[in-house]
């Protein structure tokens, strides 16, 4: 019989983090498969419109996307939302680098 190791106690099952915009909590998909895909797409030196839209689609569940649409953000603000969502999940503070 092969050895079995239970690692359940070493894992966290906290759920997805959220961004807060204008008092609205927007859930961000933080599961590992999604984030690996996001990091692959955003790994380009200068991600373009297609990469940003793919990232947006992967990271935000439909409910969050509907709330973002209601905000009527311009494209530059949407880029900020996507960058902050990536930073939230990866632990990088994106806003610190732009001061």
Protein backbone atom coordinates (compact mmCIF):
# COMPACT_ATOMS: atom_id res chain seq x y z
CA UNK A 1 0.00 0.00 0.00
CA UNK A 2 1.29 3.46 -0.90
CA UNK A 3 1.94 6.03 1.79
CA UNK A 4 -0.77 8.66 2.39
CA UNK A 5 -0.03 11.99 4.06
CA UNK A 6 -2.91 14.21 5.18
CA UNK A 7 -1.88 17.88 4.73
CA UNK A 8 -5.31 19.38 5.41
CA UNK A 9 -4.11 21.17 8.56
CA UNK A 10 -1.35 22.90 6.58
CA UNK A 11 -3.79 24.50 4.12
CA UNK A 12 -6.00 27.57 4.43
CA UNK A 13 -9.53 27.57 3.15
CA UNK A 14 -10.35 31.22 3.84
CA UNK A 15 -12.23 31.91 0.63
CA UNK A 16 -11.73 34.77 -1.79
CA UNK A 17 -10.53 38.25 -0.84
CA UNK A 18 -12.42 41.37 -1.87
CA UNK A 19 -11.70 44.88 -3.06
CA UNK A 20 -13.77 47.74 -1.64
CA UNK A 21 -14.88 50.42 -4.12
CA UNK A 22 -17.38 53.10 -3.15
CA UNK A 23 -18.65 50.99 -0.28
CA UNK A 24 -19.17 47.93 -2.49
CA UNK A 25 -17.31 44.71 -1.73
CA UNK A 26 -16.10 43.10 -4.94
CA UNK A 27 -15.00 39.49 -4.64
CA UNK A 28 -11.82 38.48 -6.49
CA UNK A 29 -11.21 34.88 -7.59
CA UNK A 30 -8.05 33.84 -5.75
CA UNK A 31 -7.94 30.11 -6.44
CA UNK A 32 -4.55 28.81 -7.51
CA UNK A 33 -5.50 27.67 -11.05
CA UNK A 34 -7.02 31.07 -11.85
CA UNK A 35 -4.05 32.95 -10.45
CA UNK A 36 -1.54 30.81 -12.36
CA UNK A 37 -3.42 31.68 -15.56
CA UNK A 38 -3.54 35.37 -14.58
CA UNK A 39 0.17 35.45 -13.84
CA UNK A 40 0.86 33.84 -17.21
CA UNK A 41 -1.25 36.41 -19.04
CA UNK A 42 0.06 39.39 -17.07
CA UNK A 43 3.67 38.15 -17.21
CA UNK A 44 4.27 40.17 -20.36
CA UNK A 45 6.46 43.23 -19.87
CA UNK A 46 3.71 45.57 -21.06
CA UNK A 47 0.33 43.82 -20.99
CA UNK A 48 -2.02 45.13 -23.66
CA UNK A 49 -5.78 45.55 -23.78
CA UNK A 50 -6.40 41.87 -24.58
CA UNK A 51 -4.31 40.70 -21.62
CA UNK A 52 -6.05 43.11 -19.24
CA UNK A 53 -9.49 42.00 -20.43
CA UNK A 54 -8.57 38.30 -20.09
CA UNK A 55 -7.31 38.97 -16.58
CA UNK A 56 -10.47 40.89 -15.68
CA UNK A 57 -12.62 38.03 -16.97
CA UNK A 58 -10.71 35.38 -15.01
CA UNK A 59 -10.39 37.28 -11.73
CA UNK A 60 -13.87 38.64 -11.15
CA UNK A 61 -17.01 36.54 -10.72
CA UNK A 62 -20.13 37.71 -12.57
CA UNK A 63 -21.58 39.45 -9.51
CA UNK A 64 -18.43 41.55 -9.10
CA UNK A 65 -18.32 42.35 -12.83
CA UNK A 66 -21.91 43.64 -12.69
CA UNK A 67 -21.01 45.93 -9.78
CA UNK A 68 -17.93 47.19 -11.62
CA UNK A 69 -20.05 47.92 -14.71
CA UNK A 70 -22.47 49.94 -12.56
CA UNK A 71 -19.56 52.13 -11.43
CA UNK A 72 -19.05 53.39 -14.99
CA UNK A 73 -15.26 53.41 -14.70
CA UNK A 74 -13.10 54.69 -17.52
CA UNK A 75 -10.51 52.30 -18.97
CA UNK A 76 -7.61 53.70 -16.94
CA UNK A 77 -9.59 53.18 -13.73
CA UNK A 78 -10.43 49.63 -14.80
CA UNK A 79 -6.71 48.97 -15.24
CA UNK A 80 -6.16 50.20 -11.67
CA UNK A 81 -8.88 47.83 -10.42
CA UNK A 82 -7.30 44.87 -12.22
CA UNK A 83 -3.79 45.76 -10.99
CA UNK A 84 -5.00 46.15 -7.41
CA UNK A 85 -6.84 42.83 -7.60
CA UNK A 86 -3.65 41.10 -8.78
CA UNK A 87 -1.71 42.82 -5.98
CA UNK A 88 -4.31 41.80 -3.41
CA UNK A 89 -3.91 38.16 -4.32
CA UNK A 90 -0.15 38.09 -4.80
CA UNK A 91 0.56 40.22 -1.74
CA UNK A 92 2.22 42.98 -3.75
CA UNK A 93 1.24 46.56 -2.97
CA UNK A 94 0.84 47.98 -6.48
CA UNK A 95 0.04 51.51 -5.29
CA UNK A 96 3.38 51.79 -3.45
CA UNK A 97 5.32 51.54 -6.70
CA UNK A 98 3.55 54.50 -8.28
CA UNK A 99 4.27 57.14 -5.66
